[in-house]
Amino acid sequence: MSMLEKGKREIGEAHAAAITLGMLKCTNFWDKENPILYLLDVLSLTKLESAIVEFIQDLTSKSDIFCKRYIEGHPVYIIDIKYFTEEIKKRLSVMDIEEVDFFRGRMNIRGLHLDKKTVLIQLDCSDIRRLENKVSKVLNNKTVLQIFPKEEVPPIYSIKKDCMIVHCW
């Protein structure tokens, strides 16, 4: 493993399969009702998080972006649910997103795996915090993500839609 990590040894399909199987044996993978769907769900969650991090990184690197505002001199990105959904659809290839719902501090994403099985990914408060840490590391800034349904958006943000607020400093 160490040599693979350092790039001192090439990895082939057999190596990848053996490592994956070894990792799966260390989890409760085999206890799942449908282990293949479980793997697809884990892959979808991982890819979704990566797509969100990439989206926020691209968003914050643009100087002239319509959703950028300043509050007390700090950049704040106000992303409505429609724009968020469009951007994540472009970046996520392991599933087709059908619907995104924002709730206070969490989001649900419904879609279809490539095998046309329905999937529901729910990101709760702890998942959002994990995303904040990933984004903070990529941007090398402190980042806070807030998710609001339209009824609960604070008036300071001047938006009447479901939205994600990204604070970076």
N, C-alpha and C. Protein backbone atom coordinates (compact mmCIF):
# COMPACT_ATOMS: atom_id res chain seq x y z
N MET A 1 0.83 -1.19 0.00
CA MET A 1 0.00 0.00 0.00
C MET A 1 0.87 1.25 0.00
N SER A 2 1.90 1.22 0.80
CA SER A 2 2.78 2.38 0.92
C SER A 2 3.41 2.71 -0.43
N MET A 3 3.86 1.69 -1.15
CA MET A 3 4.49 1.93 -2.45
C MET A 3 3.48 2.46 -3.46
N LEU A 4 2.23 1.98 -3.38
CA LEU A 4 1.19 2.48 -4.27
C LEU A 4 0.91 3.95 -3.99
N GLU A 5 0.81 4.30 -2.70
CA GLU A 5 0.54 5.69 -2.31
C GLU A 5 1.62 6.63 -2.80
N LYS A 6 2.85 6.19 -2.73
CA LYS A 6 3.98 7.05 -3.12
C LYS A 6 4.21 7.06 -4.63
N GLY A 7 3.45 6.23 -5.35
CA GLY A 7 3.60 6.19 -6.80
C GLY A 7 4.79 5.39 -7.26
N LYS A 8 5.35 4.55 -6.40
CA LYS A 8 6.52 3.76 -6.76
C LYS A 8 6.15 2.43 -7.40
N ARG A 9 4.88 2.13 -7.42
CA ARG A 9 4.43 0.89 -8.03
C ARG A 9 3.15 1.17 -8.80
N GLU A 10 3.07 0.62 -10.02
CA GLU A 10 1.87 0.76 -10.84
C GLU A 10 0.76 -0.11 -10.25
N ILE A 11 -0.46 0.34 -10.45
CA ILE A 11 -1.59 -0.45 -9.97
C ILE A 11 -2.44 -0.86 -11.17
N GLY A 12 -2.83 -2.10 -11.18
CA GLY A 12 -3.69 -2.60 -12.23
C GLY A 12 -5.07 -2.90 -11.69
N GLU A 13 -5.94 -3.41 -12.55
CA GLU A 13 -7.31 -3.72 -12.13
C GLU A 13 -7.33 -4.77 -11.03
N ALA A 14 -6.45 -5.76 -11.11
CA ALA A 14 -6.43 -6.82 -10.10
C ALA A 14 -6.04 -6.26 -8.73
N HIS A 15 -5.05 -5.36 -8.73
CA HIS A 15 -4.65 -4.73 -7.46
C HIS A 15 -5.81 -3.93 -6.88
N ALA A 16 -6.45 -3.14 -7.73
CA ALA A 16 -7.56 -2.29 -7.27
C ALA A 16 -8.69 -3.16 -6.72
N ALA A 17 -9.00 -4.25 -7.40
CA ALA A 17 -10.07 -5.15 -6.94
C ALA A 17 -9.70 -5.78 -5.60
N ALA A 18 -8.45 -6.21 -5.46
CA ALA A 18 -8.01 -6.84 -4.21
C ALA A 18 -8.06 -5.86 -3.05
N ILE A 19 -7.60 -4.64 -3.28
CA ILE A 19 -7.62 -3.62 -2.23
C ILE A 19 -9.06 -3.28 -1.85
N THR A 20 -9.91 -3.12 -2.86
CA THR A 20 -11.32 -2.82 -2.59
C THR A 20 -11.98 -3.93 -1.79
N LEU A 21 -11.74 -5.18 -2.19
CA LEU A 21 -12.31 -6.31 -1.47
C LEU A 21 -11.80 -6.34 -0.03
N GLY A 22 -10.52 -6.10 0.16
CA GLY A 22 -9.95 -6.07 1.51
C GLY A 22 -10.59 -5.00 2.36
N MET A 23 -10.80 -3.83 1.78
CA MET A 23 -11.43 -2.74 2.52
C MET A 23 -12.88 -3.08 2.85
N LEU A 24 -13.57 -3.70 1.91
CA LEU A 24 -14.97 -4.06 2.14
C LEU A 24 -15.11 -5.10 3.24
N LYS A 25 -14.15 -6.00 3.34
CA LYS A 25 -14.22 -7.03 4.38
C LYS A 25 -14.05 -6.42 5.77
N CYS A 26 -13.47 -5.24 5.83
CA CYS A 26 -13.29 -4.56 7.13
C CYS A 26 -14.54 -3.80 7.56
N THR A 27 -15.55 -3.75 6.71
CA THR A 27 -16.78 -3.01 7.04
C THR A 27 -17.94 -3.98 7.17
N ASN A 28 -19.11 -3.45 7.39
CA ASN A 28 -20.31 -4.29 7.47
C ASN A 28 -20.98 -4.41 6.10
N PHE A 29 -20.21 -4.29 5.06
CA PHE A 29 -20.67 -4.36 3.68
C PHE A 29 -21.53 -5.60 3.42
N TRP A 30 -21.07 -6.75 3.90
CA TRP A 30 -21.76 -8.01 3.59
C TRP A 30 -23.06 -8.16 4.36
N ASP A 31 -23.27 -7.34 5.39
CA ASP A 31 -24.51 -7.40 6.15
C ASP A 31 -25.65 -6.64 5.47
N LYS A 32 -25.33 -5.88 4.46
CA LYS A 32 -26.34 -5.07 3.77
C LYS A 32 -27.25 -5.97 2.95
N GLU A 33 -28.50 -5.52 2.80
CA GLU A 33 -29.48 -6.29 2.02
C GLU A 33 -29.03 -6.41 0.56
N ASN A 34 -28.57 -5.31 0.00
CA ASN A 34 -28.06 -5.32 -1.37
C ASN A 34 -26.71 -4.61 -1.39
N PRO A 35 -25.62 -5.36 -1.27
CA PRO A 35 -24.29 -4.75 -1.17
C PRO A 35 -23.92 -3.88 -2.37
N ILE A 36 -24.37 -4.23 -3.54
CA ILE A 36 -24.03 -3.44 -4.73
C ILE A 36 -24.69 -2.06 -4.65
N LEU A 37 -25.96 -2.01 -4.27
CA LEU A 37 -26.62 -0.71 -4.11
C LEU A 37 -25.97 0.11 -3.01
N TYR A 38 -25.52 -0.56 -1.96
CA TYR A 38 -24.82 0.13 -0.88
C TYR A 38 -23.55 0.80 -1.43
N LEU A 39 -22.79 0.06 -2.23
CA LEU A 39 -21.58 0.64 -2.83
C LEU A 39 -21.91 1.82 -3.73
N LEU A 40 -22.97 1.69 -4.51
CA LEU A 40 -23.38 2.80 -5.38
C LEU A 40 -23.76 4.03 -4.55
N ASP A 41 -24.45 3.82 -3.43
CA ASP A 41 -24.82 4.93 -2.56
C ASP A 41 -23.59 5.62 -1.98
N VAL A 42 -22.63 4.83 -1.53
CA VAL A 42 -21.40 5.41 -0.98
C VAL A 42 -20.65 6.18 -2.05
N LEU A 43 -20.56 5.60 -3.25
CA LEU A 43 -19.90 6.29 -4.36
C LEU A 43 -20.63 7.58 -4.71
N SER A 44 -21.95 7.53 -4.74
CA SER A 44 -22.74 8.72 -5.06
C SER A 44 -22.52 9.83 -4.04
N LEU A 45 -22.51 9.48 -2.76
CA LEU A 45 -22.28 10.48 -1.71
C LEU A 45 -20.89 11.09 -1.85
N THR A 46 -19.89 10.25 -2.07
CA THR A 46 -18.52 10.74 -2.21
C THR A 46 -18.40 11.66 -3.42
N LYS A 47 -18.96 11.25 -4.54
CA LYS A 47 -18.90 12.07 -5.76
C LYS A 47 -19.70 13.36 -5.60
N LEU A 48 -20.84 13.28 -4.92
CA LEU A 48 -21.65 14.48 -4.69
C LEU A 48 -20.87 15.50 -3.87
N GLU A 49 -20.25 15.04 -2.80
CA GLU A 49 -19.46 15.96 -1.97
C GLU A 49 -18.33 16.59 -2.78
N SER A 50 -17.66 15.79 -3.59
CA SER A 50 -16.58 16.32 -4.43
C SER A 50 -17.12 17.35 -5.42
N ALA A 51 -18.30 17.09 -5.98
CA ALA A 51 -18.90 18.03 -6.94
C ALA A 51 -19.26 19.35 -6.25
N ILE A 52 -19.76 19.29 -5.03
CA ILE A 52 -20.11 20.51 -4.30
C ILE A 52 -18.85 21.31 -3.97
N VAL A 53 -17.80 20.63 -3.53
CA VAL A 53 -16.53 21.30 -3.23
C VAL A 53 -15.98 21.97 -4.48
N GLU A 54 -15.99 21.25 -5.60
CA GLU A 54 -15.50 21.80 -6.87
C GLU A 54 -16.32 23.02 -7.29
N PHE A 55 -17.63 22.93 -7.15
CA PHE A 55 -18.51 24.04 -7.50
C PHE A 55 -18.17 25.28 -6.67
N ILE A 56 -18.03 25.11 -5.37
CA ILE A 56 -17.73 26.26 -4.50
C ILE A 56 -16.35 26.82 -4.81
N GLN A 57 -15.40 25.94 -5.10
CA GLN A 57 -14.06 26.41 -5.47
C GLN A 57 -14.11 27.25 -6.75
N ASP A 58 -14.82 26.78 -7.75
CA ASP A 58 -14.96 27.54 -9.00
C ASP A 58 -15.69 28.85 -8.77
N LEU A 59 -16.72 28.81 -7.96
CA LEU A 59 -17.52 29.99 -7.66
C LEU A 59 -16.68 31.08 -7.00
N THR A 60 -15.88 30.70 -6.04
CA THR A 60 -15.09 31.68 -5.30
C THR A 60 -13.88 32.18 -6.08
N SER A 61 -13.50 31.47 -7.13
CA SER A 61 -12.33 31.90 -7.92
C SER A 61 -12.71 32.93 -8.99
N LYS A 62 -14.00 33.09 -9.26
CA LYS A 62 -14.44 34.07 -10.25
C LYS A 62 -14.57 35.43 -9.58
N SER A 63 -14.06 36.45 -10.24
CA SER A 63 -14.13 37.79 -9.63
C SER A 63 -15.47 38.46 -9.91
N ASP A 64 -16.05 38.21 -11.06
CA ASP A 64 -17.31 38.86 -11.42
C ASP A 64 -18.41 37.80 -11.45
N ILE A 65 -18.99 37.53 -10.32
CA ILE A 65 -20.03 36.51 -10.23
C ILE A 65 -21.29 37.15 -9.65
N PHE A 66 -22.43 36.84 -10.25
CA PHE A 66 -23.69 37.50 -9.88
C PHE A 66 -24.13 37.20 -8.46
N CYS A 67 -23.72 36.09 -7.87
CA CYS A 67 -24.21 35.72 -6.54
C CYS A 67 -23.27 36.16 -5.41
N LYS A 68 -22.25 36.94 -5.75
CA LYS A 68 -21.29 37.39 -4.73
C LYS A 68 -21.72 38.72 -4.15
N ARG A 69 -21.75 38.77 -2.83
CA ARG A 69 -22.06 40.01 -2.11
C ARG A 69 -21.01 40.19 -1.03
N TYR A 70 -21.00 41.35 -0.44
CA TYR A 70 -20.09 41.60 0.69
C TYR A 70 -20.91 42.00 1.90
N ILE A 71 -20.62 41.38 3.02
CA ILE A 71 -21.24 41.75 4.29
C ILE A 71 -20.10 42.05 5.26
N GLU A 72 -20.07 43.29 5.71
CA GLU A 72 -18.99 43.77 6.58
C GLU A 72 -17.62 43.48 5.99
N GLY A 73 -17.51 43.66 4.67
CA GLY A 73 -16.23 43.51 3.98
C GLY A 73 -15.83 42.09 3.63
N HIS A 74 -16.65 41.11 3.98
CA HIS A 74 -16.32 39.71 3.70
C HIS A 74 -17.21 39.18 2.58
N PRO A 75 -16.64 38.36 1.68
CA PRO A 75 -17.45 37.81 0.59
C PRO A 75 -18.46 36.79 1.09
N VAL A 76 -19.66 36.90 0.55
CA VAL A 76 -20.74 35.97 0.84
C VAL A 76 -21.35 35.59 -0.51
N TYR A 77 -21.51 34.30 -0.75
CA TYR A 77 -22.08 33.82 -2.01
C TYR A 77 -23.48 33.30 -1.71
N ILE A 78 -24.46 33.87 -2.39
CA ILE A 78 -25.86 33.48 -2.18
C ILE A 78 -26.30 32.71 -3.41
N ILE A 79 -26.48 31.41 -3.24
CA ILE A 79 -26.73 30.51 -4.37
C ILE A 79 -28.15 29.98 -4.26
N ASP A 80 -28.99 30.33 -5.23
CA ASP A 80 -30.36 29.81 -5.16
C ASP A 80 -30.37 28.34 -5.59
N ILE A 81 -31.44 27.67 -5.24
CA ILE A 81 -31.52 26.22 -5.43
C ILE A 81 -31.46 25.84 -6.92
N LYS A 82 -32.00 26.67 -7.79
CA LYS A 82 -31.99 26.37 -9.22
C LYS A 82 -30.56 26.38 -9.77
N TYR A 83 -29.80 27.42 -9.45
CA TYR A 83 -28.41 27.52 -9.90
C TYR A 83 -27.57 26.38 -9.31
N PHE A 84 -27.77 26.09 -8.03
CA PHE A 84 -27.05 25.00 -7.37
C PHE A 84 -27.33 23.68 -8.10
N THR A 85 -28.60 23.41 -8.36
CA THR A 85 -29.00 22.16 -9.02
C THR A 85 -28.37 22.04 -10.40
N GLU A 86 -28.43 23.11 -11.19
CA GLU A 86 -27.84 23.09 -12.54
C GLU A 86 -26.35 22.80 -12.49
N GLU A 87 -25.65 23.47 -11.58
CA GLU A 87 -24.20 23.30 -11.49
C GLU A 87 -23.82 21.89 -11.02
N ILE A 88 -24.54 21.35 -10.07
CA ILE A 88 -24.22 20.01 -9.57
C ILE A 88 -24.54 18.96 -10.64
N LYS A 89 -25.62 19.16 -11.39
CA LYS A 89 -25.95 18.23 -12.48
C LYS A 89 -24.80 18.14 -13.48
N LYS A 90 -24.18 19.28 -13.79
CA LYS A 90 -23.06 19.31 -14.75
C LYS A 90 -21.85 18.55 -14.23
N ARG A 91 -21.66 18.54 -12.93
CA ARG A 91 -20.43 18.02 -12.33
C ARG A 91 -20.53 16.59 -11.82
N LEU A 92 -21.72 16.03 -11.78
CA LEU A 92 -21.93 14.71 -11.18
C LEU A 92 -22.29 13.70 -12.25
N SER A 93 -21.41 12.73 -12.48
CA SER A 93 -21.65 11.78 -13.56
C SER A 93 -22.14 10.41 -13.07
N VAL A 94 -22.08 10.13 -11.77
CA VAL A 94 -22.50 8.81 -11.29
C VAL A 94 -24.00 8.69 -11.11
N MET A 95 -24.70 9.82 -11.16
CA MET A 95 -26.16 9.78 -11.04
C MET A 95 -26.77 10.97 -11.77
N ASP A 96 -28.02 10.79 -12.20
CA ASP A 96 -28.77 11.89 -12.80
C ASP A 96 -29.64 12.50 -11.72
N ILE A 97 -29.41 13.77 -11.42
CA ILE A 97 -30.17 14.45 -10.38
C ILE A 97 -31.54 14.83 -10.92
N GLU A 98 -32.58 14.46 -10.18
CA GLU A 98 -33.94 14.82 -10.56
C GLU A 98 -34.46 15.99 -9.74
N GLU A 99 -34.09 16.03 -8.44
CA GLU A 99 -34.64 17.07 -7.57
C GLU A 99 -33.71 17.33 -6.40
N VAL A 100 -33.61 18.60 -6.02
CA VAL A 100 -32.85 19.01 -4.84
C VAL A 100 -33.81 19.78 -3.94
N ASP A 101 -33.80 19.44 -2.66
CA ASP A 101 -34.62 20.15 -1.67
C ASP A 101 -33.72 20.69 -0.58
N PHE A 102 -33.94 21.96 -0.22
CA PHE A 102 -33.20 22.58 0.88
C PHE A 102 -34.11 22.68 2.10
N PHE A 103 -33.56 22.32 3.24
CA PHE A 103 -34.22 22.47 4.52
C PHE A 103 -33.26 23.24 5.42
N ARG A 104 -33.67 23.61 6.59
CA ARG A 104 -32.80 24.36 7.50
C ARG A 104 -31.60 23.51 7.89
N GLY A 105 -30.42 23.83 7.36
CA GLY A 105 -29.19 23.14 7.71
C GLY A 105 -28.98 21.79 7.05
N ARG A 106 -29.82 21.43 6.09
CA ARG A 106 -29.66 20.13 5.42
C ARG A 106 -30.26 20.18 4.02
N MET A 107 -29.92 19.17 3.23
CA MET A 107 -30.46 19.08 1.88
C MET A 107 -30.70 17.62 1.50
N ASN A 108 -31.67 17.43 0.61
CA ASN A 108 -31.96 16.12 0.03
C ASN A 108 -31.74 16.21 -1.47
N ILE A 109 -31.12 15.17 -2.02
CA ILE A 109 -30.89 15.13 -3.46
C ILE A 109 -31.41 13.79 -3.96
N ARG A 110 -32.39 13.84 -4.85
CA ARG A 110 -32.98 12.65 -5.44
C ARG A 110 -32.51 12.52 -6.88
N GLY A 111 -32.28 11.26 -7.26
CA GLY A 111 -31.86 11.04 -8.63
C GLY A 111 -31.86 9.57 -8.98
N LEU A 112 -31.26 9.27 -10.11
CA LEU A 112 -31.16 7.90 -10.59
C LEU A 112 -29.70 7.54 -10.78
N HIS A 113 -29.34 6.33 -10.30
CA HIS A 113 -28.01 5.81 -10.60
C HIS A 113 -27.96 5.50 -12.09
N LEU A 114 -26.78 5.20 -12.57
CA LEU A 114 -26.64 4.86 -13.98
C LEU A 114 -27.43 3.61 -14.35
N ASP A 115 -27.70 2.75 -13.35
CA ASP A 115 -28.50 1.54 -13.62
C ASP A 115 -30.00 1.80 -13.46
N LYS A 116 -30.39 3.08 -13.37
CA LYS A 116 -31.78 3.54 -13.28
C LYS A 116 -32.46 3.21 -11.96
N LYS A 117 -31.69 2.93 -10.93
CA LYS A 117 -32.24 2.74 -9.58
C LYS A 117 -32.33 4.11 -8.91
N THR A 118 -33.44 4.34 -8.21
CA THR A 118 -33.64 5.62 -7.52
C THR A 118 -32.74 5.70 -6.30
N VAL A 119 -32.19 6.89 -6.09
CA VAL A 119 -31.33 7.12 -4.93
C VAL A 119 -31.74 8.43 -4.27
N LEU A 120 -31.70 8.44 -2.95
CA LEU A 120 -31.95 9.65 -2.18
C LEU A 120 -30.74 9.88 -1.28
N ILE A 121 -30.05 10.98 -1.51
CA ILE A 121 -28.90 11.34 -0.67
C ILE A 121 -29.35 12.47 0.24
N GLN A 122 -29.19 12.25 1.53
CA GLN A 122 -29.58 13.25 2.51
C GLN A 122 -28.33 13.74 3.22
N LEU A 123 -28.05 15.03 3.08
CA LEU A 123 -26.93 15.63 3.79
C LEU A 123 -27.50 16.37 5.00
N ASP A 124 -27.15 15.89 6.19
CA ASP A 124 -27.62 16.55 7.40
C ASP A 124 -26.56 17.51 7.92
N CYS A 125 -26.77 18.02 9.11
CA CYS A 125 -25.88 19.03 9.68
C CYS A 125 -24.43 18.54 9.77
N SER A 126 -24.23 17.29 10.19
CA SER A 126 -22.86 16.77 10.31
C SER A 126 -22.21 16.61 8.94
N ASP A 127 -23.00 16.24 7.92
CA ASP A 127 -22.46 16.15 6.56
C ASP A 127 -22.08 17.53 6.03
N ILE A 128 -22.90 18.53 6.35
CA ILE A 128 -22.61 19.90 5.92
C ILE A 128 -21.32 20.39 6.59
N ARG A 129 -21.14 20.06 7.85
CA ARG A 129 -19.90 20.44 8.55
C ARG A 129 -18.68 19.78 7.90
N ARG A 130 -18.83 18.51 7.52
CA ARG A 130 -17.74 17.82 6.83
C ARG A 130 -17.43 18.51 5.51
N LEU A 131 -18.48 18.92 4.80
CA LEU A 131 -18.29 19.68 3.56
C LEU A 131 -17.57 21.00 3.82
N GLU A 132 -17.95 21.69 4.88
CA GLU A 132 -17.29 22.95 5.23
C GLU A 132 -15.79 22.73 5.42
N ASN A 133 -15.43 21.65 6.10
CA ASN A 133 -14.01 21.36 6.31
C ASN A 133 -13.29 21.08 5.00
N LYS A 134 -13.94 20.32 4.10
CA LYS A 134 -13.33 20.03 2.80
C LYS A 134 -13.15 21.31 1.99
N VAL A 135 -14.17 22.15 1.97
CA VAL A 135 -14.09 23.41 1.23
C VAL A 135 -13.02 24.31 1.84
N SER A 136 -12.98 24.38 3.16
CA SER A 136 -11.98 25.22 3.84
C SER A 136 -10.56 24.80 3.48
N LYS A 137 -10.33 23.49 3.41
CA LYS A 137 -8.99 23.00 3.04
C LYS A 137 -8.64 23.35 1.60
N VAL A 138 -9.60 23.20 0.70
CA VAL A 138 -9.36 23.49 -0.71
C VAL A 138 -9.12 24.98 -0.93
N LEU A 139 -9.92 25.83 -0.28
CA LEU A 139 -9.82 27.28 -0.46
C LEU A 139 -8.75 27.91 0.42
N ASN A 140 -8.31 27.16 1.42
CA ASN A 140 -7.37 27.69 2.40
C ASN A 140 -7.96 28.90 3.13
N ASN A 141 -9.25 28.86 3.35
CA ASN A 141 -10.01 29.90 4.07
C ASN A 141 -10.99 29.22 5.01
N LYS A 142 -11.41 29.93 6.01
CA LYS A 142 -12.50 29.45 6.85
C LYS A 142 -13.79 29.58 6.04
N THR A 143 -14.59 28.53 6.02
CA THR A 143 -15.82 28.53 5.23
C THR A 143 -16.98 28.03 6.08
N VAL A 144 -18.12 28.70 5.94
CA VAL A 144 -19.35 28.26 6.60
C VAL A 144 -20.42 28.14 5.52
N LEU A 145 -21.11 27.00 5.50
CA LEU A 145 -22.21 26.78 4.56
C LEU A 145 -23.52 26.81 5.35
N GLN A 146 -24.47 27.57 4.86
CA GLN A 146 -25.79 27.62 5.47
C GLN A 146 -26.82 27.26 4.41
N ILE A 147 -27.76 26.41 4.78
CA ILE A 147 -28.82 25.99 3.88
C ILE A 147 -30.14 26.50 4.46
N PHE A 148 -30.93 27.17 3.61
CA PHE A 148 -32.20 27.72 4.07
C PHE A 148 -33.33 27.42 3.09
N PRO A 149 -34.51 27.02 3.59
CA PRO A 149 -35.71 27.07 2.75
C PRO A 149 -36.13 28.53 2.65
N LYS A 150 -36.89 28.88 1.62
CA LYS A 150 -37.20 30.30 1.38
C LYS A 150 -37.90 30.97 2.56
N GLU A 151 -38.67 30.21 3.32
CA GLU A 151 -39.40 30.81 4.44
C GLU A 151 -38.48 31.24 5.58
N GLU A 152 -37.27 30.71 5.63
CA GLU A 152 -36.39 30.96 6.77
C GLU A 152 -35.13 31.75 6.44
N VAL A 153 -35.02 32.26 5.22
CA VAL A 153 -33.83 33.03 4.84
C VAL A 153 -33.85 34.36 5.59
N PRO A 154 -32.77 34.67 6.33
CA PRO A 154 -32.72 35.97 7.02
C PRO A 154 -32.80 37.13 6.03
N PRO A 155 -33.49 38.21 6.38
CA PRO A 155 -33.70 39.32 5.44
C PRO A 155 -32.40 40.01 5.00
N ILE A 156 -31.33 39.86 5.74
CA ILE A 156 -30.06 40.50 5.37
C ILE A 156 -29.56 40.01 4.00
N TYR A 157 -29.98 38.80 3.58
CA TYR A 157 -29.51 38.24 2.31
C TYR A 157 -30.35 38.67 1.11
N SER A 158 -31.48 39.29 1.32
CA SER A 158 -32.32 39.84 0.25
C SER A 158 -32.65 38.82 -0.83
N ILE A 159 -33.07 37.63 -0.45
CA ILE A 159 -33.47 36.62 -1.42
C ILE A 159 -34.69 35.89 -0.86
N LYS A 160 -35.64 35.60 -1.73
CA LYS A 160 -36.89 34.94 -1.32
C LYS A 160 -37.00 33.57 -1.98
N LYS A 161 -35.89 32.83 -2.02
CA LYS A 161 -35.87 31.50 -2.62
C LYS A 161 -35.11 30.57 -1.68
N ASP A 162 -35.32 29.25 -1.87
CA ASP A 162 -34.47 28.29 -1.18
C ASP A 162 -33.04 28.58 -1.61
N CYS A 163 -32.10 28.58 -0.67
CA CYS A 163 -30.74 28.95 -1.07
C CYS A 163 -29.68 28.36 -0.15
N MET A 164 -28.46 28.39 -0.66
CA MET A 164 -27.27 28.04 0.10
C MET A 164 -26.46 29.32 0.22
N ILE A 165 -26.02 29.62 1.43
CA ILE A 165 -25.19 30.79 1.68
C ILE A 165 -23.78 30.28 1.99
N VAL A 166 -22.78 30.79 1.28
CA VAL A 166 -21.39 30.39 1.51
C VAL A 166 -20.63 31.61 2.02
N HIS A 167 -20.13 31.51 3.25
CA HIS A 167 -19.30 32.56 3.84
C HIS A 167 -17.84 32.11 3.76
N CYS A 168 -16.96 32.97 3.29
CA CYS A 168 -15.53 32.66 3.23
C CYS A 168 -14.74 33.83 3.80
N TRP A 169 -13.79 33.54 4.66
CA TRP A 169 -12.90 34.60 5.15
C TRP A 169 -11.57 34.03 5.56
